[in-house]
Amino acid sequence: MYLPDHFAETDPARMTALILAAPLACIVAHTSAGLLANHIPLLLAPDGNLIGHIARANPMHEQIADGQEVLAVFQGPDAYVSPNFYPSKHEHHRHVPTWNYMVVHAHGTIRFQHDLQARRAAVGLLTREHERRVNATAAWRMADAPADYMAQMLDAIVAFRIDVQRLEGKSKLSPNRDARDHTGAIAGLHASGQTAIADEMASQGPPE
């Protein structure tokens, strides 16, 4: 990833927050057939590694070898930034459009898990996390489904774990603009409905 110093995200807490907020990762790997990419929700475990599962029918677990290096890309908020957002544009017009965004790349090695305990744990952990967010105390539980049906569903998946070795974060949030243009970009993004990226820019404060 192209990573100029002024866009590098070095705060582990912010990278963790992005992964938790945007868990649908694009997992990329090189295979004998070329590059392979799959979009899969992942759970960040307490040890910093990633847990997920795929359909057994997905050939990913056959095309990627155990222990192979993979890249999981987590995409945070993003938005187009118009030159018209910058107050200084109206004075000298020396601005062009850009795109602000946040992203985290997790580099690691993948291990597929075919045993029932691992498959059940992967589904249980992922659903517990997201059911709590969506349904709180009314969260769906695996035990809500008939046992024979649940066994059938679990038999149709393969679990996996990515042992994360390195995180790279990029927060392109206009840190290279002066304070008034940075503030103008935040206001322009709010006005155009891009509140998530605008709030991230505001949380980092104006450029020094």
N, C-alpha and C. Protein backbone atom coordinates (compact mmCIF):
# COMPACT_ATOMS: atom_id res chain seq x y z
N MET A 1 0.85 -1.19 0.00
CA MET A 1 0.00 0.00 0.00
C MET A 1 0.89 1.24 0.00
N TYR A 2 0.56 2.17 -0.88
CA TYR A 2 1.26 3.46 -0.91
C TYR A 2 0.90 4.21 0.37
N LEU A 3 1.92 4.57 1.16
CA LEU A 3 1.66 5.08 2.50
C LEU A 3 2.59 6.25 2.84
N PRO A 4 2.28 7.45 2.33
CA PRO A 4 3.06 8.62 2.74
C PRO A 4 2.98 8.81 4.25
N ASP A 5 4.03 9.35 4.83
CA ASP A 5 4.10 9.49 6.29
C ASP A 5 2.89 10.23 6.86
N HIS A 6 2.43 11.28 6.17
CA HIS A 6 1.35 12.10 6.73
C HIS A 6 -0.02 11.42 6.62
N PHE A 7 -0.09 10.27 5.94
CA PHE A 7 -1.35 9.51 5.89
C PHE A 7 -1.28 8.22 6.72
N ALA A 8 -0.11 7.91 7.27
CA ALA A 8 0.06 6.66 8.00
C ALA A 8 -0.72 6.70 9.31
N GLU A 9 -1.51 5.64 9.56
CA GLU A 9 -2.23 5.50 10.82
C GLU A 9 -1.40 4.61 11.73
N THR A 10 -0.88 5.18 12.80
CA THR A 10 0.02 4.43 13.69
C THR A 10 -0.61 4.11 15.03
N ASP A 11 -1.84 4.54 15.26
CA ASP A 11 -2.51 4.31 16.53
C ASP A 11 -3.20 2.95 16.51
N PRO A 12 -2.72 1.96 17.27
CA PRO A 12 -3.34 0.63 17.27
C PRO A 12 -4.82 0.68 17.65
N ALA A 13 -5.19 1.58 18.56
CA ALA A 13 -6.59 1.67 18.99
C ALA A 13 -7.49 2.10 17.84
N ARG A 14 -7.02 3.01 17.01
CA ARG A 14 -7.83 3.47 15.88
C ARG A 14 -7.95 2.38 14.81
N MET A 15 -6.88 1.63 14.61
CA MET A 15 -6.95 0.53 13.65
C MET A 15 -7.89 -0.56 14.14
N THR A 16 -7.82 -0.86 15.43
CA THR A 16 -8.73 -1.85 16.01
C THR A 16 -10.18 -1.38 15.88
N ALA A 17 -10.42 -0.10 16.15
CA ALA A 17 -11.78 0.43 16.05
C ALA A 17 -12.33 0.31 14.64
N LEU A 18 -11.48 0.52 13.64
CA LEU A 18 -11.95 0.40 12.25
C LEU A 18 -12.31 -1.04 11.94
N ILE A 19 -11.47 -1.99 12.36
CA ILE A 19 -11.77 -3.40 12.11
C ILE A 19 -13.09 -3.81 12.77
N LEU A 20 -13.32 -3.33 13.99
CA LEU A 20 -14.56 -3.68 14.70
C LEU A 20 -15.78 -3.04 14.04
N ALA A 21 -15.60 -1.83 13.51
CA ALA A 21 -16.72 -1.11 12.90
C ALA A 21 -17.01 -1.58 11.47
N ALA A 22 -16.00 -2.12 10.80
CA ALA A 22 -16.16 -2.53 9.39
C ALA A 22 -15.60 -3.94 9.23
N PRO A 23 -16.26 -4.96 9.79
CA PRO A 23 -15.69 -6.31 9.84
C PRO A 23 -15.71 -7.09 8.53
N LEU A 24 -16.40 -6.57 7.50
CA LEU A 24 -16.42 -7.29 6.22
C LEU A 24 -15.09 -7.03 5.50
N ALA A 25 -14.21 -8.01 5.54
CA ALA A 25 -12.88 -7.86 4.95
C ALA A 25 -12.82 -8.47 3.56
N CYS A 26 -11.92 -7.95 2.75
CA CYS A 26 -11.57 -8.59 1.48
C CYS A 26 -10.27 -9.35 1.72
N ILE A 27 -10.35 -10.68 1.66
CA ILE A 27 -9.16 -11.51 1.88
C ILE A 27 -8.54 -11.84 0.52
N VAL A 28 -7.29 -11.45 0.38
CA VAL A 28 -6.58 -11.60 -0.90
C VAL A 28 -5.42 -12.57 -0.72
N ALA A 29 -5.28 -13.48 -1.66
CA ALA A 29 -4.17 -14.44 -1.63
C ALA A 29 -3.73 -14.76 -3.04
N HIS A 30 -2.46 -15.15 -3.15
CA HIS A 30 -1.95 -15.59 -4.45
C HIS A 30 -2.05 -17.11 -4.52
N THR A 31 -2.63 -17.60 -5.61
CA THR A 31 -2.79 -19.05 -5.80
C THR A 31 -2.19 -19.45 -7.14
N SER A 32 -2.17 -20.75 -7.39
CA SER A 32 -1.64 -21.24 -8.66
C SER A 32 -2.46 -20.75 -9.84
N ALA A 33 -3.71 -20.36 -9.57
CA ALA A 33 -4.59 -19.85 -10.63
C ALA A 33 -4.54 -18.32 -10.72
N GLY A 34 -3.71 -17.70 -9.89
CA GLY A 34 -3.63 -16.24 -9.88
C GLY A 34 -4.14 -15.67 -8.57
N LEU A 35 -4.42 -14.39 -8.56
CA LEU A 35 -4.92 -13.75 -7.35
C LEU A 35 -6.34 -14.19 -7.05
N LEU A 36 -6.61 -14.40 -5.76
CA LEU A 36 -7.94 -14.80 -5.30
C LEU A 36 -8.40 -13.79 -4.26
N ALA A 37 -9.65 -13.33 -4.36
CA ALA A 37 -10.20 -12.39 -3.39
C ALA A 37 -11.59 -12.84 -2.97
N ASN A 38 -11.84 -12.82 -1.67
CA ASN A 38 -13.15 -13.17 -1.13
C ASN A 38 -13.52 -12.15 -0.05
N HIS A 39 -14.81 -11.81 -0.01
CA HIS A 39 -15.31 -10.83 0.96
C HIS A 39 -16.00 -11.60 2.09
N ILE A 40 -15.40 -11.52 3.29
CA ILE A 40 -15.82 -12.36 4.39
C ILE A 40 -15.81 -11.57 5.70
N PRO A 41 -16.89 -11.62 6.48
CA PRO A 41 -16.86 -10.95 7.80
C PRO A 41 -15.91 -11.68 8.75
N LEU A 42 -15.09 -10.91 9.45
CA LEU A 42 -14.11 -11.48 10.36
C LEU A 42 -14.30 -10.92 11.76
N LEU A 43 -13.93 -11.73 12.73
CA LEU A 43 -13.99 -11.31 14.13
C LEU A 43 -12.57 -11.12 14.64
N LEU A 44 -12.31 -9.98 15.25
CA LEU A 44 -11.01 -9.73 15.86
C LEU A 44 -10.99 -10.35 17.25
N ALA A 45 -10.16 -11.38 17.42
CA ALA A 45 -10.08 -12.10 18.69
C ALA A 45 -9.26 -11.30 19.71
N PRO A 46 -9.41 -11.60 20.99
CA PRO A 46 -8.64 -10.88 22.02
C PRO A 46 -7.13 -10.94 21.82
N ASP A 47 -6.63 -12.00 21.16
CA ASP A 47 -5.19 -12.12 20.94
C ASP A 47 -4.71 -11.36 19.71
N GLY A 48 -5.63 -10.64 19.04
CA GLY A 48 -5.26 -9.85 17.88
C GLY A 48 -5.35 -10.58 16.56
N ASN A 49 -5.72 -11.86 16.59
CA ASN A 49 -5.88 -12.61 15.36
C ASN A 49 -7.33 -12.55 14.87
N LEU A 50 -7.57 -13.08 13.68
CA LEU A 50 -8.87 -12.96 13.03
C LEU A 50 -9.53 -14.32 12.85
N ILE A 51 -10.82 -14.38 13.10
CA ILE A 51 -11.60 -15.63 13.02
C ILE A 51 -12.70 -15.46 11.99
N GLY A 52 -12.91 -16.49 11.17
CA GLY A 52 -13.99 -16.43 10.20
C GLY A 52 -14.39 -17.81 9.74
N HIS A 53 -15.33 -17.86 8.81
CA HIS A 53 -15.74 -19.13 8.21
C HIS A 53 -16.26 -18.87 6.82
N ILE A 54 -16.20 -19.89 5.99
CA ILE A 54 -16.68 -19.80 4.61
C ILE A 54 -17.54 -21.02 4.31
N ALA A 55 -18.30 -20.94 3.23
CA ALA A 55 -19.06 -22.10 2.78
C ALA A 55 -18.08 -23.20 2.34
N ARG A 56 -18.40 -24.44 2.69
CA ARG A 56 -17.54 -25.55 2.25
C ARG A 56 -17.47 -25.58 0.72
N ALA A 57 -18.53 -25.12 0.05
CA ALA A 57 -18.54 -25.10 -1.41
C ALA A 57 -17.59 -24.06 -2.00
N ASN A 58 -17.15 -23.11 -1.17
CA ASN A 58 -16.20 -22.09 -1.61
C ASN A 58 -14.82 -22.75 -1.74
N PRO A 59 -14.23 -22.77 -2.94
CA PRO A 59 -12.95 -23.48 -3.11
C PRO A 59 -11.76 -22.79 -2.46
N MET A 60 -12.01 -21.68 -1.77
CA MET A 60 -10.92 -20.96 -1.13
C MET A 60 -10.07 -21.86 -0.23
N HIS A 61 -10.73 -22.77 0.51
CA HIS A 61 -9.98 -23.61 1.45
C HIS A 61 -9.17 -24.69 0.74
N GLU A 62 -9.42 -24.86 -0.55
CA GLU A 62 -8.63 -25.80 -1.34
C GLU A 62 -7.56 -25.08 -2.15
N GLN A 63 -7.83 -23.83 -2.51
CA GLN A 63 -6.90 -23.07 -3.34
C GLN A 63 -5.79 -22.40 -2.54
N ILE A 64 -6.03 -22.17 -1.26
CA ILE A 64 -5.04 -21.54 -0.40
C ILE A 64 -4.50 -22.58 0.57
N ALA A 65 -3.20 -22.72 0.63
CA ALA A 65 -2.58 -23.73 1.49
C ALA A 65 -2.57 -23.26 2.94
N ASP A 66 -2.65 -24.20 3.86
CA ASP A 66 -2.50 -23.88 5.28
C ASP A 66 -1.14 -23.24 5.52
N GLY A 67 -1.14 -22.15 6.27
CA GLY A 67 0.10 -21.45 6.56
C GLY A 67 0.50 -20.43 5.51
N GLN A 68 -0.31 -20.29 4.46
CA GLN A 68 0.02 -19.35 3.40
C GLN A 68 -0.27 -17.91 3.85
N GLU A 69 0.50 -16.98 3.35
CA GLU A 69 0.29 -15.57 3.67
C GLU A 69 -0.94 -15.05 2.93
N VAL A 70 -1.77 -14.30 3.64
CA VAL A 70 -2.93 -13.65 3.04
C VAL A 70 -2.97 -12.20 3.51
N LEU A 71 -3.76 -11.42 2.83
CA LEU A 71 -3.98 -10.02 3.18
C LEU A 71 -5.47 -9.80 3.39
N ALA A 72 -5.85 -9.30 4.56
CA ALA A 72 -7.25 -8.96 4.84
C ALA A 72 -7.37 -7.44 4.84
N VAL A 73 -8.20 -6.91 3.96
CA VAL A 73 -8.37 -5.47 3.81
C VAL A 73 -9.69 -5.04 4.42
N PHE A 74 -9.63 -4.12 5.38
CA PHE A 74 -10.81 -3.58 6.03
C PHE A 74 -10.99 -2.13 5.58
N GLN A 75 -12.13 -1.85 4.97
CA GLN A 75 -12.40 -0.52 4.41
C GLN A 75 -13.29 0.28 5.34
N GLY A 76 -12.79 1.40 5.82
CA GLY A 76 -13.57 2.29 6.66
C GLY A 76 -14.35 3.30 5.83
N PRO A 77 -14.77 4.41 6.44
CA PRO A 77 -15.53 5.41 5.69
C PRO A 77 -14.69 6.07 4.61
N ASP A 78 -15.34 6.52 3.55
CA ASP A 78 -14.63 7.21 2.46
C ASP A 78 -15.58 8.20 1.81
N ALA A 79 -15.03 9.18 1.10
CA ALA A 79 -15.86 10.18 0.44
C ALA A 79 -15.04 11.01 -0.54
N TYR A 80 -15.71 11.46 -1.58
CA TYR A 80 -15.14 12.42 -2.54
C TYR A 80 -15.05 13.80 -1.88
N VAL A 81 -13.93 14.47 -2.09
CA VAL A 81 -13.73 15.81 -1.55
C VAL A 81 -13.60 16.79 -2.70
N SER A 82 -14.55 17.71 -2.80
CA SER A 82 -14.56 18.70 -3.87
C SER A 82 -13.65 19.88 -3.55
N PRO A 83 -12.96 20.44 -4.54
CA PRO A 83 -12.17 21.65 -4.31
C PRO A 83 -13.02 22.80 -3.79
N ASN A 84 -14.31 22.76 -4.09
CA ASN A 84 -15.20 23.84 -3.64
C ASN A 84 -15.35 23.89 -2.13
N PHE A 85 -14.95 22.81 -1.43
CA PHE A 85 -15.04 22.79 0.02
C PHE A 85 -13.99 23.68 0.68
N TYR A 86 -12.90 23.98 -0.07
CA TYR A 86 -11.79 24.72 0.52
C TYR A 86 -12.01 26.24 0.36
N PRO A 87 -12.00 26.99 1.43
CA PRO A 87 -12.12 28.45 1.31
C PRO A 87 -11.05 29.06 0.42
N SER A 88 -9.84 28.54 0.47
CA SER A 88 -8.75 29.13 -0.31
C SER A 88 -8.92 28.92 -1.81
N LYS A 89 -9.75 27.94 -2.18
CA LYS A 89 -9.98 27.69 -3.62
C LYS A 89 -10.56 28.93 -4.27
N HIS A 90 -11.42 29.62 -3.56
CA HIS A 90 -12.10 30.78 -4.13
C HIS A 90 -11.19 32.01 -4.23
N GLU A 91 -9.98 31.88 -3.69
CA GLU A 91 -9.00 32.96 -3.79
C GLU A 91 -8.00 32.72 -4.91
N HIS A 92 -7.49 31.48 -5.02
CA HIS A 92 -6.44 31.23 -6.02
C HIS A 92 -6.74 30.05 -6.94
N HIS A 93 -7.77 29.26 -6.67
CA HIS A 93 -8.21 28.15 -7.53
C HIS A 93 -7.14 27.07 -7.73
N ARG A 94 -6.15 27.01 -6.86
CA ARG A 94 -5.08 26.03 -7.01
C ARG A 94 -5.38 24.77 -6.17
N HIS A 95 -6.48 24.11 -6.50
CA HIS A 95 -6.88 22.87 -5.85
C HIS A 95 -7.49 21.94 -6.89
N VAL A 96 -7.41 20.66 -6.62
CA VAL A 96 -8.05 19.64 -7.47
C VAL A 96 -8.83 18.69 -6.56
N PRO A 97 -9.75 17.90 -7.12
CA PRO A 97 -10.51 16.96 -6.29
C PRO A 97 -9.60 15.88 -5.68
N THR A 98 -10.08 15.28 -4.62
CA THR A 98 -9.37 14.15 -4.01
C THR A 98 -10.40 13.22 -3.37
N TRP A 99 -9.92 12.16 -2.77
CA TRP A 99 -10.78 11.19 -2.11
C TRP A 99 -10.19 10.91 -0.74
N ASN A 100 -10.98 11.10 0.29
CA ASN A 100 -10.53 10.77 1.65
C ASN A 100 -11.06 9.40 2.05
N TYR A 101 -10.26 8.68 2.81
CA TYR A 101 -10.68 7.32 3.20
C TYR A 101 -9.84 6.83 4.36
N MET A 102 -10.32 5.74 4.97
CA MET A 102 -9.60 5.04 6.03
C MET A 102 -9.58 3.56 5.69
N VAL A 103 -8.44 2.91 5.90
CA VAL A 103 -8.32 1.50 5.57
C VAL A 103 -7.29 0.86 6.49
N VAL A 104 -7.48 -0.42 6.77
CA VAL A 104 -6.50 -1.20 7.52
C VAL A 104 -6.20 -2.47 6.74
N HIS A 105 -4.91 -2.77 6.59
CA HIS A 105 -4.46 -4.02 5.97
C HIS A 105 -3.90 -4.92 7.06
N ALA A 106 -4.43 -6.11 7.18
CA ALA A 106 -3.92 -7.10 8.13
C ALA A 106 -3.17 -8.18 7.35
N HIS A 107 -1.87 -8.29 7.59
CA HIS A 107 -1.04 -9.29 6.94
C HIS A 107 -0.87 -10.46 7.90
N GLY A 108 -1.07 -11.67 7.42
CA GLY A 108 -0.91 -12.82 8.30
C GLY A 108 -0.96 -14.14 7.54
N THR A 109 -0.94 -15.22 8.29
CA THR A 109 -1.02 -16.56 7.70
C THR A 109 -2.33 -17.20 8.10
N ILE A 110 -2.90 -17.96 7.18
CA ILE A 110 -4.22 -18.54 7.38
C ILE A 110 -4.13 -20.04 7.69
N ARG A 111 -5.01 -20.48 8.58
CA ARG A 111 -5.13 -21.91 8.90
C ARG A 111 -6.60 -22.29 8.83
N PHE A 112 -6.93 -23.28 8.01
CA PHE A 112 -8.31 -23.74 7.91
C PHE A 112 -8.57 -24.80 8.97
N GLN A 113 -9.79 -24.76 9.50
CA GLN A 113 -10.16 -25.66 10.60
C GLN A 113 -11.43 -26.42 10.20
N HIS A 114 -11.30 -27.73 10.11
CA HIS A 114 -12.41 -28.56 9.64
C HIS A 114 -13.15 -29.26 10.77
N ASP A 115 -12.60 -29.22 11.98
CA ASP A 115 -13.25 -29.94 13.09
C ASP A 115 -14.50 -29.21 13.55
N LEU A 116 -15.45 -29.94 14.08
CA LEU A 116 -16.74 -29.39 14.48
C LEU A 116 -16.60 -28.32 15.56
N GLN A 117 -15.71 -28.53 16.50
CA GLN A 117 -15.54 -27.57 17.58
C GLN A 117 -15.14 -26.20 17.04
N ALA A 118 -14.22 -26.16 16.10
CA ALA A 118 -13.77 -24.89 15.53
C ALA A 118 -14.87 -24.25 14.70
N ARG A 119 -15.62 -25.04 13.97
CA ARG A 119 -16.71 -24.49 13.15
C ARG A 119 -17.81 -23.91 14.03
N ARG A 120 -18.15 -24.63 15.07
CA ARG A 120 -19.18 -24.15 16.00
C ARG A 120 -18.71 -22.87 16.71
N ALA A 121 -17.45 -22.84 17.09
CA ALA A 121 -16.92 -21.66 17.78
C ALA A 121 -16.92 -20.45 16.86
N ALA A 122 -16.53 -20.63 15.61
CA ALA A 122 -16.49 -19.51 14.66
C ALA A 122 -17.87 -18.90 14.48
N VAL A 123 -18.87 -19.75 14.26
CA VAL A 123 -20.24 -19.26 14.08
C VAL A 123 -20.75 -18.62 15.38
N GLY A 124 -20.51 -19.27 16.49
CA GLY A 124 -20.99 -18.76 17.77
C GLY A 124 -20.40 -17.40 18.13
N LEU A 125 -19.09 -17.25 17.94
CA LEU A 125 -18.44 -15.99 18.29
C LEU A 125 -18.89 -14.86 17.37
N LEU A 126 -18.96 -15.13 16.08
CA LEU A 126 -19.38 -14.09 15.13
C LEU A 126 -20.82 -13.66 15.35
N THR A 127 -21.71 -14.63 15.50
CA THR A 127 -23.12 -14.27 15.67
C THR A 127 -23.36 -13.61 17.02
N ARG A 128 -22.67 -14.04 18.06
CA ARG A 128 -22.85 -13.39 19.36
C ARG A 128 -22.46 -11.91 19.30
N GLU A 129 -21.34 -11.63 18.64
CA GLU A 129 -20.88 -10.24 18.52
C GLU A 129 -21.90 -9.37 17.79
N HIS A 130 -22.38 -9.85 16.66
CA HIS A 130 -23.26 -9.01 15.83
C HIS A 130 -24.71 -9.04 16.29
N GLU A 131 -25.15 -10.14 16.86
CA GLU A 131 -26.50 -10.16 17.41
C GLU A 131 -26.63 -9.20 18.59
N ARG A 132 -25.61 -9.10 19.40
CA ARG A 132 -25.64 -8.15 20.52
C ARG A 132 -25.79 -6.73 20.00
N ARG A 133 -25.10 -6.41 18.91
CA ARG A 133 -25.18 -5.06 18.34
C ARG A 133 -26.58 -4.78 17.77
N VAL A 134 -27.15 -5.79 17.12
CA VAL A 134 -28.40 -5.59 16.39
C VAL A 134 -29.63 -5.80 17.29
N ASN A 135 -29.60 -6.84 18.09
CA ASN A 135 -30.80 -7.23 18.83
C ASN A 135 -30.68 -7.17 20.35
N ALA A 136 -29.49 -6.81 20.85
CA ALA A 136 -29.27 -6.65 22.29
C ALA A 136 -29.74 -7.89 23.06
N THR A 137 -30.64 -7.71 24.02
CA THR A 137 -31.08 -8.83 24.87
C THR A 137 -31.95 -9.84 24.12
N ALA A 138 -32.45 -9.45 22.93
CA ALA A 138 -33.26 -10.38 22.12
C ALA A 138 -32.40 -11.10 21.08
N ALA A 139 -31.10 -11.18 21.31
CA ALA A 139 -30.17 -11.75 20.34
C ALA A 139 -30.52 -13.18 19.97
N TRP A 140 -30.39 -13.48 18.67
CA TRP A 140 -30.54 -14.86 18.20
C TRP A 140 -29.38 -15.68 18.73
N ARG A 141 -29.66 -16.94 19.09
CA ARG A 141 -28.64 -17.86 19.55
C ARG A 141 -28.68 -19.14 18.70
N MET A 142 -27.56 -19.78 18.61
CA MET A 142 -27.52 -21.02 17.83
C MET A 142 -28.52 -22.04 18.37
N ALA A 143 -28.74 -22.02 19.66
CA ALA A 143 -29.67 -22.96 20.28
C ALA A 143 -31.12 -22.70 19.87
N ASP A 144 -31.39 -21.53 19.27
CA ASP A 144 -32.75 -21.24 18.82
C ASP A 144 -33.15 -22.12 17.63
N ALA A 145 -32.16 -22.57 16.87
CA ALA A 145 -32.44 -23.39 15.69
C ALA A 145 -32.53 -24.86 16.10
N PRO A 146 -33.35 -25.67 15.40
CA PRO A 146 -33.41 -27.10 15.69
C PRO A 146 -32.01 -27.72 15.57
N ALA A 147 -31.70 -28.64 16.44
CA ALA A 147 -30.37 -29.22 16.51
C ALA A 147 -29.96 -29.89 15.19
N ASP A 148 -30.90 -30.60 14.54
CA ASP A 148 -30.54 -31.28 13.29
C ASP A 148 -30.26 -30.27 12.18
N TYR A 149 -31.03 -29.17 12.17
CA TYR A 149 -30.80 -28.12 11.17
C TYR A 149 -29.45 -27.45 11.41
N MET A 150 -29.14 -27.15 12.67
CA MET A 150 -27.87 -26.50 12.99
C MET A 150 -26.69 -27.39 12.61
N ALA A 151 -26.83 -28.68 12.85
CA ALA A 151 -25.78 -29.63 12.48
C ALA A 151 -25.55 -29.63 10.97
N GLN A 152 -26.65 -29.53 10.23
CA GLN A 152 -26.57 -29.50 8.76
C GLN A 152 -25.85 -28.24 8.30
N MET A 153 -26.19 -27.11 8.91
CA MET A 153 -25.57 -25.83 8.53
C MET A 153 -24.08 -25.82 8.88
N LEU A 154 -23.73 -26.35 10.04
CA LEU A 154 -22.32 -26.38 10.45
C LEU A 154 -21.51 -27.31 9.55
N ASP A 155 -22.14 -28.35 9.06
CA ASP A 155 -21.44 -29.29 8.18
C ASP A 155 -21.13 -28.66 6.83
N ALA A 156 -21.80 -27.55 6.53
CA ALA A 156 -21.65 -26.90 5.22
C ALA A 156 -20.62 -25.78 5.22
N ILE A 157 -19.85 -25.64 6.32
CA ILE A 157 -18.87 -24.56 6.39
C ILE A 157 -17.49 -25.09 6.77
N VAL A 158 -16.50 -24.24 6.56
CA VAL A 158 -15.12 -24.47 7.00
C VAL A 158 -14.70 -23.24 7.79
N ALA A 159 -14.16 -23.45 8.98
CA ALA A 159 -13.69 -22.33 9.79
C ALA A 159 -12.23 -22.03 9.44
N PHE A 160 -11.79 -20.85 9.80
CA PHE A 160 -10.37 -20.53 9.61
C PHE A 160 -9.95 -19.45 10.60
N ARG A 161 -8.66 -19.34 10.75
CA ARG A 161 -8.06 -18.34 11.62
C ARG A 161 -6.89 -17.72 10.89
N ILE A 162 -6.77 -16.41 10.95
CA ILE A 162 -5.63 -15.70 10.38
C ILE A 162 -4.76 -15.20 11.53
N ASP A 163 -3.53 -15.71 11.59
CA ASP A 163 -2.58 -15.25 12.60
C ASP A 163 -1.94 -13.97 12.08
N VAL A 164 -2.38 -12.85 12.64
CA VAL A 164 -1.95 -11.54 12.14
C VAL A 164 -0.52 -11.26 12.58
N GLN A 165 0.31 -10.91 11.61
CA GLN A 165 1.72 -10.61 11.87
C GLN A 165 2.02 -9.11 11.78
N ARG A 166 1.16 -8.40 11.03
CA ARG A 166 1.43 -6.97 10.85
C ARG A 166 0.15 -6.26 10.44
N LEU A 167 -0.08 -5.09 11.02
CA LEU A 167 -1.19 -4.22 10.62
C LEU A 167 -0.62 -2.95 9.98
N GLU A 168 -1.23 -2.54 8.89
CA GLU A 168 -0.91 -1.27 8.24
C GLU A 168 -2.19 -0.45 8.19
N GLY A 169 -2.14 0.77 8.66
CA GLY A 169 -3.32 1.62 8.61
C GLY A 169 -3.05 2.88 7.81
N LYS A 170 -4.07 3.33 7.11
CA LYS A 170 -3.98 4.58 6.35
C LYS A 170 -5.22 5.41 6.61
N SER A 171 -5.01 6.63 7.07
CA SER A 171 -6.11 7.57 7.31
C SER A 171 -5.84 8.81 6.47
N LYS A 172 -6.43 8.84 5.28
CA LYS A 172 -6.26 9.99 4.38
C LYS A 172 -7.38 10.98 4.70
N LEU A 173 -7.10 11.89 5.63
CA LEU A 173 -8.13 12.77 6.17
C LEU A 173 -7.72 14.24 6.07
N SER A 174 -7.07 14.58 4.97
CA SER A 174 -6.66 15.97 4.70
C SER A 174 -5.71 16.56 5.73
N PRO A 175 -4.74 15.79 6.25
CA PRO A 175 -3.81 16.39 7.20
C PRO A 175 -2.83 17.35 6.55
N ASN A 176 -2.76 17.30 5.20
CA ASN A 176 -1.84 18.15 4.47
C ASN A 176 -2.48 19.46 4.03
N ARG A 177 -3.67 19.77 4.54
CA ARG A 177 -4.33 21.05 4.26
C ARG A 177 -4.13 21.99 5.44
N ASP A 178 -4.25 23.29 5.16
CA ASP A 178 -4.17 24.22 6.29
C ASP A 178 -5.47 24.15 7.08
N ALA A 179 -5.46 24.77 8.25
CA ALA A 179 -6.58 24.61 9.19
C ALA A 179 -7.91 25.02 8.60
N ARG A 180 -7.95 26.14 7.89
CA ARG A 180 -9.25 26.61 7.39
C ARG A 180 -9.77 25.72 6.26
N ASP A 181 -8.87 25.19 5.41
CA ASP A 181 -9.33 24.29 4.36
C ASP A 181 -9.74 22.94 4.93
N HIS A 182 -9.05 22.51 5.98
CA HIS A 182 -9.44 21.28 6.66
C HIS A 182 -10.84 21.42 7.25
N THR A 183 -11.09 22.56 7.90
CA THR A 183 -12.42 22.84 8.47
C THR A 183 -13.47 22.94 7.36
N GLY A 184 -13.08 23.57 6.25
CA GLY A 184 -14.01 23.68 5.12
C GLY A 184 -14.37 22.34 4.53
N ALA A 185 -13.38 21.42 4.47
CA ALA A 185 -13.65 20.09 3.95
C ALA A 185 -14.62 19.34 4.87
N ILE A 186 -14.44 19.49 6.18
CA ILE A 186 -15.36 18.85 7.13
C ILE A 186 -16.77 19.37 6.93
N ALA A 187 -16.91 20.69 6.81
CA ALA A 187 -18.24 21.29 6.62
C ALA A 187 -18.86 20.83 5.31
N GLY A 188 -18.05 20.78 4.24
CA GLY A 188 -18.56 20.35 2.94
C GLY A 188 -19.01 18.90 2.94
N LEU A 189 -18.26 18.06 3.63
CA LEU A 189 -18.63 16.64 3.71
C LEU A 189 -19.90 16.46 4.53
N HIS A 190 -20.03 17.20 5.63
CA HIS A 190 -21.27 17.13 6.41
C HIS A 190 -22.45 17.56 5.55
N ALA A 191 -22.28 18.64 4.81
CA ALA A 191 -23.37 19.17 3.99
C ALA A 191 -23.78 18.20 2.89
N SER A 192 -22.83 17.38 2.42
CA SER A 192 -23.15 16.43 1.35
C SER A 192 -23.55 15.05 1.89
N GLY A 193 -23.72 14.97 3.21
CA GLY A 193 -24.20 13.74 3.82
C GLY A 193 -23.13 12.73 4.17
N GLN A 194 -21.87 13.09 4.00
CA GLN A 194 -20.77 12.16 4.29
C GLN A 194 -20.29 12.39 5.73
N THR A 195 -21.19 12.11 6.67
CA THR A 195 -20.90 12.47 8.07
C THR A 195 -19.85 11.57 8.72
N ALA A 196 -19.77 10.31 8.32
CA ALA A 196 -18.82 9.40 8.96
C ALA A 196 -17.38 9.86 8.76
N ILE A 197 -17.02 10.15 7.51
CA ILE A 197 -15.65 10.58 7.25
C ILE A 197 -15.41 11.98 7.80
N ALA A 198 -16.43 12.84 7.77
CA ALA A 198 -16.29 14.18 8.34
C ALA A 198 -16.03 14.12 9.84
N ASP A 199 -16.74 13.24 10.52
CA ASP A 199 -16.55 13.10 11.97
C ASP A 199 -15.17 12.56 12.29
N GLU A 200 -14.66 11.64 11.46
CA GLU A 200 -13.30 11.13 11.67
C GLU A 200 -12.29 12.27 11.51
N MET A 201 -12.47 13.10 10.51
CA MET A 201 -11.56 14.24 10.30
C MET A 201 -11.61 15.18 11.49
N ALA A 202 -12.80 15.44 11.99
CA ALA A 202 -12.95 16.36 13.13
C ALA A 202 -12.32 15.78 14.38
N SER A 203 -12.40 14.45 14.55
CA SER A 203 -11.87 13.84 15.75
C SER A 203 -10.35 13.92 15.82
N GLN A 204 -9.71 14.03 14.66
CA GLN A 204 -8.25 14.14 14.64
C GLN A 204 -7.77 15.58 14.84
N GLY A 205 -8.71 16.53 14.77
CA GLY A 205 -8.34 17.91 14.97
C GLY A 205 -7.70 18.51 13.73
N PRO A 206 -7.51 19.84 13.72
CA PRO A 206 -6.93 20.51 12.55
C PRO A 206 -5.46 20.18 12.40
N PRO A 207 -4.93 20.30 11.18
CA PRO A 207 -3.49 20.05 10.97
C PRO A 207 -2.65 21.02 11.78
N GLU A 208 -1.49 20.56 12.20
CA GLU A 208 -0.59 21.42 12.97
C GLU A 208 0.22 22.30 12.03
